Amino acid sequence: MSTLNVPLPVPPVSDDCEQLKKAFEGWGTNEDLIISILGHRNAAQRKQIRETYYEMYGDDLLKTLEKELTSDFERLVLLWILGPAERDAVLANEAIKKWTSSNQILMEIACTRSANDLFHARQAYHARYKKSLEEDVAYHTTGDFRKLLFPLVCSYRYEGDDVDMSLAKTEAKLIHEKISKKAYSDDDFIRILATRSKAQINATLNHYKNDFGKDINKDLKADPKDEFLQLVRATVKCLTRPEKYFEKVLRLAINRTGTDEGALTRVVSTRAEVDLKVIKDEYQQRNSVPLDRAIIKDTHGDYEKMLLALVGYKED
């Protein structure tokens, strides 16, 4: 499901480091050379490049890239070169710093990563910022948003396929009762979203649709402008159909007046090694346009080239 194209055989890491060093020398930076290397190496290989580069030259590759690159291209490369846990820690911290009630990035990280991935992201957050992600979420969020986001980022879900169908039917009825009463932040409703396995939640929501005749997200659109309800709907989608959630993020980022480079960068850099191929298929089915063609239409320069490398674009 990854879109990353890694060459076989992979060049020795020392060769990659030598080529990157050459890319930084002279009057101008060789961005194409940087893309040809970093845009085609997986997380383990990028980590090894960072470590070997420091051993060979005594320089932090991240700081060198930050000095040499600019704008959206810089942002994409700097996020991409980080390991997944460290990248999630950075994104979570940025989301907290610029917090708005409609900000969905924390929820996105909490709900679309595996239990171990989320645990490692919390560890990376603690190591990088000298405080816990849970602490920052509790401090910087309020009301219903805190009530939902705090247990989501603390979660460690069971990831097996076992499902309790009796429980699913019972909790589908409970959720329907809470939604009917507009008790969207009810403790039991939040508990189900924050703690049940994704397989269990899917079973519960299938019962919901079968027993009550409507998809839960339609019932959660009682007030489309309610920002907390928007977050709840996005949470449900992330837990049950993450490819549809990310397709929508990309669609809104690209199909608008002015590209949302932040959202485009975030999705491509975090999903390229996970499920971007599935997201690309969903995007083409929903928009009748391949994602790479949409990227070519809406972006330019080195930023476009790096995006295309990560989404696995191949010229005909």
C-alpha atoms as a PDB file:
ATOM      1  CA  MET A   1       0.000   0.000   0.000  1.00  0.00           C
ATOM      2  CA  SER A   2       3.078   2.209   0.098  1.00  0.00           C
ATOM      3  CA  THR A   3       3.763   4.469  -2.883  1.00  0.00           C
ATOM      4  CA  LEU A   4       7.472   4.845  -2.151  1.00  0.00           C
ATOM      5  CA  ASN A   5       9.800   3.623  -4.910  1.00  0.00           C
ATOM      6  CA  VAL A   6      13.135   2.432  -3.467  1.00  0.00           C
ATOM      7  CA  PRO A   7      15.806   1.454  -6.013  1.00  0.00           C
ATOM      8  CA  LEU A   8      17.173  -2.065  -6.072  1.00  0.00           C
ATOM      9  CA  PRO A   9      19.893  -2.489  -5.189  1.00  0.00           C
ATOM     10  CA  VAL A  10      19.984   0.440  -2.766  1.00  0.00           C
ATOM     11  CA  PRO A  11      23.281   2.363  -3.019  1.00  0.00           C
ATOM     12  CA  PRO A  12      25.603   2.164   0.013  1.00  0.00           C
ATOM     13  CA  VAL A  13      24.591   4.695   2.644  1.00  0.00           C
ATOM     14  CA  SER A  14      28.046   6.281   2.460  1.00  0.00           C
ATOM     15  CA  ASP A  15      27.443   6.973  -1.245  1.00  0.00           C
ATOM     16  CA  ASP A  16      24.112   8.619  -0.434  1.00  0.00           C
ATOM     17  CA  CYS A  17      25.832  10.825   2.129  1.00  0.00           C
ATOM     18  CA  GLU A  18      28.586  11.803  -0.303  1.00  0.00           C
ATOM     19  CA  GLN A  19      25.999  12.722  -2.925  1.00  0.00           C
ATOM     20  CA  LEU A  20      24.017  14.788  -0.431  1.00  0.00           C
ATOM     21  CA  LYS A  21      27.183  16.590   0.606  1.00  0.00           C
ATOM     22  CA  LYS A  22      27.843  17.427  -3.046  1.00  0.00           C
ATOM     23  CA  ALA A  23      24.272  18.711  -3.377  1.00  0.00           C
ATOM     24  CA  PHE A  24      25.005  21.359  -0.734  1.00  0.00           C
ATOM     25  CA  GLU A  25      28.333  22.506  -2.183  1.00  0.00           C
ATOM     26  CA  GLY A  26      28.950  25.286  -4.660  1.00  0.00           C
ATOM     27  CA  TRP A  27      26.891  28.379  -5.416  1.00  0.00           C
ATOM     28  CA  GLY A  28      23.507  26.698  -5.474  1.00  0.00           C
ATOM     29  CA  THR A  29      21.835  23.685  -3.903  1.00  0.00           C
ATOM     30  CA  ASN A  30      21.203  20.709  -6.181  1.00  0.00           C
ATOM     31  CA  GLU A  31      17.583  20.068  -5.233  1.00  0.00           C
ATOM     32  CA  ASP A  32      17.107  17.378  -7.891  1.00  0.00           C
ATOM     33  CA  LEU A  33      19.912  15.331  -6.367  1.00  0.00           C
ATOM     34  CA  ILE A  34      18.370  15.655  -2.905  1.00  0.00           C
ATOM     35  CA  ILE A  35      14.997  14.479  -4.244  1.00  0.00           C
ATOM     36  CA  SER A  36      16.571  11.567  -6.120  1.00  0.00           C
ATOM     37  CA  ILE A  37      17.999  10.272  -2.834  1.00  0.00           C
ATOM     38  CA  LEU A  38      15.664  11.230   0.012  1.00  0.00           C
ATOM     39  CA  GLY A  39      12.524  10.834  -2.098  1.00  0.00           C
ATOM     40  CA  HIS A  40      13.390   7.171  -2.691  1.00  0.00           C
ATOM     41  CA  ARG A  41      14.538   5.874   0.710  1.00  0.00           C
ATOM     42  CA  ASN A  42      12.392   4.283   3.404  1.00  0.00           C
ATOM     43  CA  ALA A  43      12.320   5.311   7.076  1.00  0.00           C
ATOM     44  CA  ALA A  44      15.080   2.928   8.170  1.00  0.00           C
ATOM     45  CA  GLN A  45      17.307   4.038   5.297  1.00  0.00           C
ATOM     46  CA  ARG A  46      16.688   7.734   5.995  1.00  0.00           C
ATOM     47  CA  LYS A  47      17.586   7.217   9.639  1.00  0.00           C
ATOM     48  CA  GLN A  48      20.806   5.504   8.622  1.00  0.00           C
ATOM     49  CA  ILE A  49      21.608   8.362   6.231  1.00  0.00           C
ATOM     50  CA  ARG A  50      21.159  10.917   9.028  1.00  0.00           C
ATOM     51  CA  GLU A  51      23.397   8.947  11.383  1.00  0.00           C
ATOM     52  CA  THR A  52      26.089   8.226   8.790  1.00  0.00           C
ATOM     53  CA  TYR A  53      26.083  11.816   7.528  1.00  0.00           C
ATOM     54  CA  TYR A  54      26.874  13.025  11.038  1.00  0.00           C
ATOM     55  CA  GLU A  55      29.601  10.402  11.442  1.00  0.00           C
ATOM     56  CA  MET A  56      31.200  11.357   8.125  1.00  0.00           C
ATOM     57  CA  TYR A  57      30.938  15.154   8.287  1.00  0.00           C
ATOM     58  CA  GLY A  58      30.091  16.098  11.863  1.00  0.00           C
ATOM     59  CA  ASP A  59      27.001  17.969  10.645  1.00  0.00           C
ATOM     60  CA  ASP A  60      23.353  17.452  11.489  1.00  0.00           C
ATOM     61  CA  LEU A  61      21.683  16.687   8.154  1.00  0.00           C
ATOM     62  CA  LEU A  62      18.400  18.169   9.350  1.00  0.00           C
ATOM     63  CA  LYS A  63      20.029  21.507  10.146  1.00  0.00           C
ATOM     64  CA  THR A  64      21.881  21.499   6.847  1.00  0.00           C
ATOM     65  CA  LEU A  65      18.659  20.864   4.931  1.00  0.00           C
ATOM     66  CA  GLU A  66      16.925  23.597   6.900  1.00  0.00           C
ATOM     67  CA  LYS A  67      19.679  26.015   5.913  1.00  0.00           C
ATOM     68  CA  GLU A  68      19.792  24.985   2.252  1.00  0.00           C
ATOM     69  CA  LEU A  69      16.091  24.620   1.393  1.00  0.00           C
ATOM     70  CA  THR A  70      13.143  26.987   1.467  1.00  0.00           C
ATOM     71  CA  SER A  71       9.372  27.218   1.583  1.00  0.00           C
ATOM     72  CA  ASP A  72       7.036  24.231   1.104  1.00  0.00           C
ATOM     73  CA  PHE A  73       9.817  22.082  -0.334  1.00  0.00           C
ATOM     74  CA  GLU A  74      11.831  22.565   2.852  1.00  0.00           C
ATOM     75  CA  ARG A  75       8.822  21.714   5.004  1.00  0.00           C
ATOM     76  CA  LEU A  76       8.104  18.519   3.058  1.00  0.00           C
ATOM     77  CA  VAL A  77      11.707  17.292   3.109  1.00  0.00           C
ATOM     78  CA  LEU A  78      12.192  18.069   6.802  1.00  0.00           C
ATOM     79  CA  LEU A  79       9.025  16.207   7.776  1.00  0.00           C
ATOM     80  CA  TRP A  80       9.821  13.324   5.459  1.00  0.00           C
ATOM     81  CA  ILE A  81      13.329  12.724   6.755  1.00  0.00           C
ATOM     82  CA  LEU A  82      12.044  12.332  10.327  1.00  0.00           C
ATOM     83  CA  GLY A  83      11.097   8.910  11.609  1.00  0.00           C
ATOM     84  CA  PRO A  84       7.322   8.314  11.835  1.00  0.00           C
ATOM     85  CA  ALA A  85       7.127   8.726  15.615  1.00  0.00           C
ATOM     86  CA  GLU A  86       9.242  11.883  15.662  1.00  0.00           C
ATOM     87  CA  ARG A  87       7.232  13.316  12.758  1.00  0.00           C
ATOM     88  CA  ASP A  88       3.974  12.681  14.597  1.00  0.00           C
ATOM     89  CA  ALA A  89       5.412  14.334  17.702  1.00  0.00           C
ATOM     90  CA  VAL A  90       6.312  17.438  15.684  1.00  0.00           C
ATOM     91  CA  LEU A  91       2.901  17.583  14.003  1.00  0.00           C
ATOM     92  CA  ALA A  92       1.097  17.133  17.313  1.00  0.00           C
ATOM     93  CA  ASN A  93       3.128  19.871  18.968  1.00  0.00           C
ATOM     94  CA  GLU A  94       2.466  22.273  16.089  1.00  0.00           C
ATOM     95  CA  ALA A  95      -1.250  21.491  16.260  1.00  0.00           C
ATOM     96  CA  ILE A  96      -1.311  22.272  19.977  1.00  0.00           C
ATOM     97  CA  LYS A  97       0.616  25.524  19.543  1.00  0.00           C
ATOM     98  CA  LYS A  98      -1.761  26.879  16.901  1.00  0.00           C
ATOM     99  CA  TRP A  99      -4.813  25.296  18.432  1.00  0.00           C
ATOM    100  CA  THR A 100      -8.250  26.077  17.126  1.00  0.00           C
ATOM    101  CA  SER A 101     -11.351  24.162  18.058  1.00  0.00           C
ATOM    102  CA  SER A 102     -11.668  22.728  14.567  1.00  0.00           C
ATOM    103  CA  ASN A 103      -8.095  21.443  14.457  1.00  0.00           C
ATOM    104  CA  GLN A 104      -8.247  17.710  13.640  1.00  0.00           C
ATOM    105  CA  ILE A 105      -4.561  16.826  13.478  1.00  0.00           C
ATOM    106  CA  LEU A 106      -4.338  15.403  17.014  1.00  0.00           C
ATOM    107  CA  MET A 107      -7.398  13.272  16.389  1.00  0.00           C
ATOM    108  CA  GLU A 108      -5.975  12.175  13.042  1.00  0.00           C
ATOM    109  CA  ILE A 109      -2.739  10.994  14.654  1.00  0.00           C
ATOM    110  CA  ALA A 110      -4.546   9.272  17.524  1.00  0.00           C
ATOM    111  CA  CYS A 111      -7.040   7.424  15.326  1.00  0.00           C
ATOM    112  CA  THR A 112      -5.086   6.442  12.202  1.00  0.00           C
ATOM    113  CA  ARG A 113      -1.906   5.104  13.813  1.00  0.00           C
ATOM    114  CA  SER A 114      -1.549   1.633  15.286  1.00  0.00           C
ATOM    115  CA  ALA A 115      -1.501   1.292  19.063  1.00  0.00           C
ATOM    116  CA  ASN A 116       2.286   0.876  19.000  1.00  0.00           C
ATOM    117  CA  ASP A 117       2.756   3.780  16.587  1.00  0.00           C
ATOM    118  CA  LEU A 118       0.772   6.079  18.869  1.00  0.00           C
ATOM    119  CA  PHE A 119       2.710   4.868  21.904  1.00  0.00           C
ATOM    120  CA  HIS A 120       6.024   5.582  20.144  1.00  0.00           C
ATOM    121  CA  ALA A 121       4.751   9.022  19.077  1.00  0.00           C
ATOM    122  CA  ARG A 122       4.017   9.821  22.729  1.00  0.00           C
ATOM    123  CA  GLN A 123       7.505   8.648  23.667  1.00  0.00           C
ATOM    124  CA  ALA A 124       9.037  10.809  20.936  1.00  0.00           C
ATOM    125  CA  TYR A 125       6.985  13.788  22.104  1.00  0.00           C
ATOM    126  CA  HIS A 126       8.248  13.338  25.654  1.00  0.00           C
ATOM    127  CA  ALA A 127      11.862  13.046  24.490  1.00  0.00           C
ATOM    128  CA  ARG A 128      11.686  16.063  22.184  1.00  0.00           C
ATOM    129  CA  TYR A 129       9.624  18.507  24.271  1.00  0.00           C
ATOM    130  CA  LYS A 130      10.397  17.314  27.830  1.00  0.00           C
ATOM    131  CA  LYS A 131       6.728  16.925  28.676  1.00  0.00           C
ATOM    132  CA  SER A 132       3.979  14.522  27.785  1.00  0.00           C
ATOM    133  CA  LEU A 133       1.564  14.824  24.899  1.00  0.00           C
ATOM    134  CA  GLU A 134      -1.230  14.008  27.332  1.00  0.00           C
ATOM    135  CA  GLU A 135      -0.171  16.919  29.543  1.00  0.00           C
ATOM    136  CA  ASP A 136      -0.212  19.382  26.646  1.00  0.00           C
ATOM    137  CA  VAL A 137      -3.566  18.162  25.341  1.00  0.00           C
ATOM    138  CA  ALA A 138      -5.094  18.449  28.802  1.00  0.00           C
ATOM    139  CA  TYR A 139      -3.669  21.943  29.290  1.00  0.00           C
ATOM    140  CA  HIS A 140      -4.380  23.440  25.879  1.00  0.00           C
ATOM    141  CA  THR A 141      -7.837  22.041  25.141  1.00  0.00           C
ATOM    142  CA  THR A 142     -11.124  22.758  26.867  1.00  0.00           C
ATOM    143  CA  GLY A 143     -14.659  21.476  27.235  1.00  0.00           C
ATOM    144  CA  ASP A 144     -15.940  18.795  24.891  1.00  0.00           C
ATOM    145  CA  PHE A 145     -12.769  18.938  22.785  1.00  0.00           C
ATOM    146  CA  ARG A 146     -10.628  17.967  25.755  1.00  0.00           C
ATOM    147  CA  LYS A 147     -13.161  15.332  26.742  1.00  0.00           C
ATOM    148  CA  LEU A 148     -12.713  13.614  23.369  1.00  0.00           C
ATOM    149  CA  LEU A 149      -9.083  14.328  22.486  1.00  0.00           C
ATOM    150  CA  PHE A 150      -7.495  13.427  25.818  1.00  0.00           C
ATOM    151  CA  PRO A 151      -8.668   9.781  25.880  1.00  0.00           C
ATOM    152  CA  LEU A 152      -7.948   9.455  22.149  1.00  0.00           C
ATOM    153  CA  VAL A 153      -4.262  10.379  22.515  1.00  0.00           C
ATOM    154  CA  CYS A 154      -3.988   8.168  25.638  1.00  0.00           C
ATOM    155  CA  SER A 155      -5.534   5.157  23.936  1.00  0.00           C
ATOM    156  CA  TYR A 156      -3.849   1.796  23.420  1.00  0.00           C
ATOM    157  CA  ARG A 157      -6.441  -0.155  21.437  1.00  0.00           C
ATOM    158  CA  TYR A 158      -6.662  -3.893  20.978  1.00  0.00           C
ATOM    159  CA  GLU A 159      -5.843  -4.540  17.320  1.00  0.00           C
ATOM    160  CA  GLY A 160      -7.075  -8.074  16.807  1.00  0.00           C
ATOM    161  CA  ASP A 161     -10.067  -9.175  14.759  1.00  0.00           C
ATOM    162  CA  ASP A 162     -12.116 -10.575  17.651  1.00  0.00           C
ATOM    163  CA  VAL A 163     -15.532  -8.913  17.941  1.00  0.00           C
ATOM    164  CA  ASP A 164     -18.250  -9.236  20.574  1.00  0.00           C
ATOM    165  CA  MET A 165     -21.409  -9.007  18.464  1.00  0.00           C
ATOM    166  CA  SER A 166     -23.708  -8.848  21.473  1.00  0.00           C
ATOM    167  CA  LEU A 167     -21.735  -5.892  22.820  1.00  0.00           C
ATOM    168  CA  ALA A 168     -21.790  -4.285  19.371  1.00  0.00           C
ATOM    169  CA  LYS A 169     -25.586  -4.457  19.251  1.00  0.00           C
ATOM    170  CA  THR A 170     -25.910  -3.092  22.790  1.00  0.00           C
ATOM    171  CA  GLU A 171     -23.504  -0.219  22.158  1.00  0.00           C
ATOM    172  CA  ALA A 172     -25.138   0.621  18.831  1.00  0.00           C
ATOM    173  CA  LYS A 173     -28.400   1.131  20.708  1.00  0.00           C
ATOM    174  CA  LEU A 174     -26.624   3.197  23.379  1.00  0.00           C
ATOM    175  CA  ILE A 175     -24.975   5.437  20.766  1.00  0.00           C
ATOM    176  CA  HIS A 176     -28.283   5.935  18.975  1.00  0.00           C
ATOM    177  CA  GLU A 177     -29.941   6.989  22.223  1.00  0.00           C
ATOM    178  CA  LYS A 178     -27.181   9.517  22.963  1.00  0.00           C
ATOM    179  CA  ILE A 179     -27.289  10.983  19.457  1.00  0.00           C
ATOM    180  CA  SER A 180     -31.091  11.178  19.558  1.00  0.00           C
ATOM    181  CA  LYS A 181     -30.762  13.253  22.724  1.00  0.00           C
ATOM    182  CA  LYS A 182     -27.930  15.310  21.153  1.00  0.00           C
ATOM    183  CA  ALA A 183     -25.666  14.099  23.976  1.00  0.00           C
ATOM    184  CA  TYR A 184     -22.657  14.059  21.643  1.00  0.00           C
ATOM    185  CA  SER A 185     -20.091  14.342  24.427  1.00  0.00           C
ATOM    186  CA  ASP A 186     -21.695  11.735  26.666  1.00  0.00           C
ATOM    187  CA  ASP A 187     -19.147   9.745  28.674  1.00  0.00           C
ATOM    188  CA  ASP A 188     -20.235   6.370  27.257  1.00  0.00           C
ATOM    189  CA  PHE A 189     -20.199   7.618  23.659  1.00  0.00           C
ATOM    190  CA  ILE A 190     -16.690   9.038  24.124  1.00  0.00           C
ATOM    191  CA  ARG A 191     -15.544   5.848  25.879  1.00  0.00           C
ATOM    192  CA  ILE A 192     -16.631   3.696  22.946  1.00  0.00           C
ATOM    193  CA  LEU A 193     -14.843   5.898  20.390  1.00  0.00           C
ATOM    194  CA  ALA A 194     -11.689   6.166  22.496  1.00  0.00           C
ATOM    195  CA  THR A 195     -11.219   2.609  23.733  1.00  0.00           C
ATOM    196  CA  ARG A 196     -12.890   0.002  21.533  1.00  0.00           C
ATOM    197  CA  SER A 197     -10.876  -1.768  18.874  1.00  0.00           C
ATOM    198  CA  LYS A 198     -11.453  -0.620  15.323  1.00  0.00           C
ATOM    199  CA  ALA A 199     -12.961  -4.011  14.469  1.00  0.00           C
ATOM    200  CA  GLN A 200     -15.395  -3.667  17.379  1.00  0.00           C
ATOM    201  CA  ILE A 201     -16.324  -0.102  16.398  1.00  0.00           C
ATOM    202  CA  ASN A 202     -16.976  -1.202  12.816  1.00  0.00           C
ATOM    203  CA  ALA A 203     -19.256  -3.979  14.061  1.00  0.00           C
ATOM    204  CA  THR A 204     -21.078  -1.521  16.333  1.00  0.00           C
ATOM    205  CA  LEU A 205     -21.625   0.991  13.537  1.00  0.00           C
ATOM    206  CA  ASN A 206     -22.802  -1.735  11.154  1.00  0.00           C
ATOM    207  CA  HIS A 207     -25.427  -2.639  13.758  1.00  0.00           C
ATOM    208  CA  TYR A 208     -26.267   1.052  14.060  1.00  0.00           C
ATOM    209  CA  LYS A 209     -26.969   1.329  10.340  1.00  0.00           C
ATOM    210  CA  ASN A 210     -28.866  -1.970  10.140  1.00  0.00           C
ATOM    211  CA  ASP A 211     -30.956  -1.379  13.253  1.00  0.00           C
ATOM    212  CA  PHE A 212     -31.728   2.313  12.790  1.00  0.00           C
ATOM    213  CA  GLY A 213     -31.649   2.687   9.013  1.00  0.00           C
ATOM    214  CA  LYS A 214     -29.075   5.414   8.708  1.00  0.00           C
ATOM    215  CA  ASP A 215     -25.290   5.793   8.696  1.00  0.00           C
ATOM    216  CA  ILE A 216     -24.065   7.326  11.955  1.00  0.00           C
ATOM    217  CA  ASN A 217     -22.333  10.237  10.214  1.00  0.00           C
ATOM    218  CA  LYS A 218     -25.660  11.341   8.720  1.00  0.00           C
ATOM    219  CA  ASP A 219     -27.135  11.465  12.218  1.00  0.00           C
ATOM    220  CA  LEU A 220     -24.098  13.442  13.362  1.00  0.00           C
ATOM    221  CA  LYS A 221     -24.834  16.178  10.798  1.00  0.00           C
ATOM    222  CA  ALA A 222     -27.693  17.649  12.832  1.00  0.00           C
ATOM    223  CA  ASP A 223     -25.723  20.889  12.963  1.00  0.00           C
ATOM    224  CA  PRO A 224     -23.147  20.896  10.120  1.00  0.00           C
ATOM    225  CA  LYS A 225     -21.487  24.062  11.466  1.00  0.00           C
ATOM    226  CA  ASP A 226     -20.933  22.670  14.968  1.00  0.00           C
ATOM    227  CA  GLU A 227     -17.141  22.289  15.264  1.00  0.00           C
ATOM    228  CA  PHE A 228     -17.283  19.578  17.908  1.00  0.00           C
ATOM    229  CA  LEU A 229     -19.656  17.530  15.759  1.00  0.00           C
ATOM    230  CA  GLN A 230     -17.252  17.987  12.842  1.00  0.00           C
ATOM    231  CA  LEU A 231     -14.511  16.525  15.017  1.00  0.00           C
ATOM    232  CA  VAL A 232     -16.723  13.605  16.096  1.00  0.00           C
ATOM    233  CA  ARG A 233     -17.618  12.821  12.468  1.00  0.00           C
ATOM    234  CA  ALA A 234     -13.967  12.956  11.471  1.00  0.00           C
ATOM    235  CA  THR A 235     -13.099  10.667  14.395  1.00  0.00           C
ATOM    236  CA  VAL A 236     -15.627   8.081  13.256  1.00  0.00           C
ATOM    237  CA  LYS A 237     -14.307   8.252   9.690  1.00  0.00           C
ATOM    238  CA  CYS A 238     -10.669   7.939  10.801  1.00  0.00           C
ATOM    239  CA  LEU A 239     -11.490   4.878  12.893  1.00  0.00           C
ATOM    240  CA  THR A 240     -13.564   3.120  10.249  1.00  0.00           C
ATOM    241  CA  ARG A 241     -12.518   4.353   6.777  1.00  0.00           C
ATOM    242  CA  PRO A 242      -9.236   6.262   7.056  1.00  0.00           C
ATOM    243  CA  GLU A 243      -8.717   6.219   3.282  1.00  0.00           C
ATOM    244  CA  LYS A 244     -11.956   8.193   2.869  1.00  0.00           C
ATOM    245  CA  TYR A 245     -10.891  10.638   5.570  1.00  0.00           C
ATOM    246  CA  PHE A 246      -7.514  11.294   3.922  1.00  0.00           C
ATOM    247  CA  GLU A 247      -9.079  11.522   0.466  1.00  0.00           C
ATOM    248  CA  LYS A 248     -11.293  14.307   1.744  1.00  0.00           C
ATOM    249  CA  VAL A 249      -8.333  16.113   3.327  1.00  0.00           C
ATOM    250  CA  LEU A 250      -6.507  15.957  -0.010  1.00  0.00           C
ATOM    251  CA  ARG A 251      -9.585  16.984  -1.986  1.00  0.00           C
ATOM    252  CA  LEU A 252     -10.147  20.030   0.184  1.00  0.00           C
ATOM    253  CA  ALA A 253      -6.423  20.863   0.064  1.00  0.00           C
ATOM    254  CA  ILE A 254      -6.238  20.763  -3.729  1.00  0.00           C
ATOM    255  CA  ASN A 255      -9.698  21.565  -5.070  1.00  0.00           C
ATOM    256  CA  ARG A 256      -9.950  25.082  -3.729  1.00  0.00           C
ATOM    257  CA  THR A 257      -8.832  28.622  -4.456  1.00  0.00           C
ATOM    258  CA  GLY A 258      -5.239  28.397  -3.331  1.00  0.00           C
ATOM    259  CA  THR A 259      -3.707  25.066  -2.371  1.00  0.00           C
ATOM    260  CA  ASP A 260      -3.533  24.110   1.320  1.00  0.00           C
ATOM    261  CA  GLU A 261       0.118  23.044   1.204  1.00  0.00           C
ATOM    262  CA  GLY A 262       0.138  22.248   4.919  1.00  0.00           C
ATOM    263  CA  ALA A 263      -2.533  19.582   4.607  1.00  0.00           C
ATOM    264  CA  LEU A 264      -1.095  18.221   1.346  1.00  0.00           C
ATOM    265  CA  THR A 265       2.386  17.966   2.862  1.00  0.00           C
ATOM    266  CA  ARG A 266       1.079  16.311   6.026  1.00  0.00           C
ATOM    267  CA  VAL A 267      -0.914  13.599   4.269  1.00  0.00           C
ATOM    268  CA  VAL A 268       1.759  12.718   1.715  1.00  0.00           C
ATOM    269  CA  SER A 269       4.625  12.671   4.223  1.00  0.00           C
ATOM    270  CA  THR A 270       2.758  10.603   6.808  1.00  0.00           C
ATOM    271  CA  ARG A 271       0.980   8.116   4.517  1.00  0.00           C
ATOM    272  CA  ALA A 272       3.489   7.481   1.691  1.00  0.00           C
ATOM    273  CA  GLU A 273       4.935   4.462   3.503  1.00  0.00           C
ATOM    274  CA  VAL A 274       1.610   3.304   4.936  1.00  0.00           C
ATOM    275  CA  ASP A 275      -1.485   3.398   2.730  1.00  0.00           C
ATOM    276  CA  LEU A 276      -1.122   6.196   0.205  1.00  0.00           C
ATOM    277  CA  LYS A 277      -1.763   3.798  -2.664  1.00  0.00           C
ATOM    278  CA  VAL A 278      -5.225   3.071  -1.232  1.00  0.00           C
ATOM    279  CA  ILE A 279      -5.809   6.779  -0.661  1.00  0.00           C
ATOM    280  CA  LYS A 280      -4.763   7.503  -4.262  1.00  0.00           C
ATOM    281  CA  ASP A 281      -7.267   4.921  -5.530  1.00  0.00           C
ATOM    282  CA  GLU A 282      -9.980   6.482  -3.371  1.00  0.00           C
ATOM    283  CA  TYR A 283      -9.044   9.960  -4.657  1.00  0.00           C
ATOM    284  CA  GLN A 284      -9.259   8.919  -8.303  1.00  0.00           C
ATOM    285  CA  GLN A 285     -12.577   7.156  -7.754  1.00  0.00           C
ATOM    286  CA  ARG A 286     -14.042  10.176  -5.944  1.00  0.00           C
ATOM    287  CA  ASN A 287     -12.645  12.901  -8.239  1.00  0.00           C
ATOM    288  CA  SER A 288     -12.157  11.121 -11.594  1.00  0.00           C
ATOM    289  CA  VAL A 289      -8.622  12.534 -11.645  1.00  0.00           C
ATOM    290  CA  PRO A 290      -5.401  10.785 -10.545  1.00  0.00           C
ATOM    291  CA  LEU A 291      -3.817  12.346  -7.491  1.00  0.00           C
ATOM    292  CA  ASP A 292      -0.490  12.880  -9.243  1.00  0.00           C
ATOM    293  CA  ARG A 293      -2.210  14.827 -12.034  1.00  0.00           C
ATOM    294  CA  ALA A 294      -3.960  16.993  -9.444  1.00  0.00           C
ATOM    295  CA  ILE A 295      -0.608  17.640  -7.772  1.00  0.00           C
ATOM    296  CA  ILE A 296       0.978  18.607 -11.104  1.00  0.00           C
ATOM    297  CA  LYS A 297      -1.872  21.043 -11.774  1.00  0.00           C
ATOM    298  CA  ASP A 298      -1.784  22.674  -8.333  1.00  0.00           C
ATOM    299  CA  THR A 299       1.908  22.761  -7.329  1.00  0.00           C
ATOM    300  CA  HIS A 300       5.206  23.612  -8.966  1.00  0.00           C
ATOM    301  CA  GLY A 301       8.970  23.451  -8.731  1.00  0.00           C
ATOM    302  CA  ASP A 302      10.923  21.322  -6.294  1.00  0.00           C
ATOM    303  CA  TYR A 303       7.908  20.968  -4.010  1.00  0.00           C
ATOM    304  CA  GLU A 304       5.968  19.372  -6.861  1.00  0.00           C
ATOM    305  CA  LYS A 305       8.882  17.071  -7.737  1.00  0.00           C
ATOM    306  CA  MET A 306       9.234  15.842  -4.139  1.00  0.00           C
ATOM    307  CA  LEU A 307       5.492  15.255  -3.799  1.00  0.00           C
ATOM    308  CA  LEU A 308       5.456  13.286  -7.045  1.00  0.00           C
ATOM    309  CA  ALA A 309       8.409  11.175  -5.893  1.00  0.00           C
ATOM    310  CA  LEU A 310       6.581  10.279  -2.684  1.00  0.00           C
ATOM    311  CA  VAL A 311       3.254   9.466  -4.364  1.00  0.00           C
ATOM    312  CA  GLY A 312       5.068   7.131  -6.754  1.00  0.00           C
ATOM    313  CA  TYR A 313       4.547   9.098  -9.948  1.00  0.00           C
ATOM    314  CA  LYS A 314       6.197   7.668 -13.067  1.00  0.00           C
ATOM    315  CA  GLU A 315       6.284   9.591 -16.325  1.00  0.00           C
ATOM    316  CA  ASP A 316       4.871   7.725 -19.313  1.00  0.00           C
END
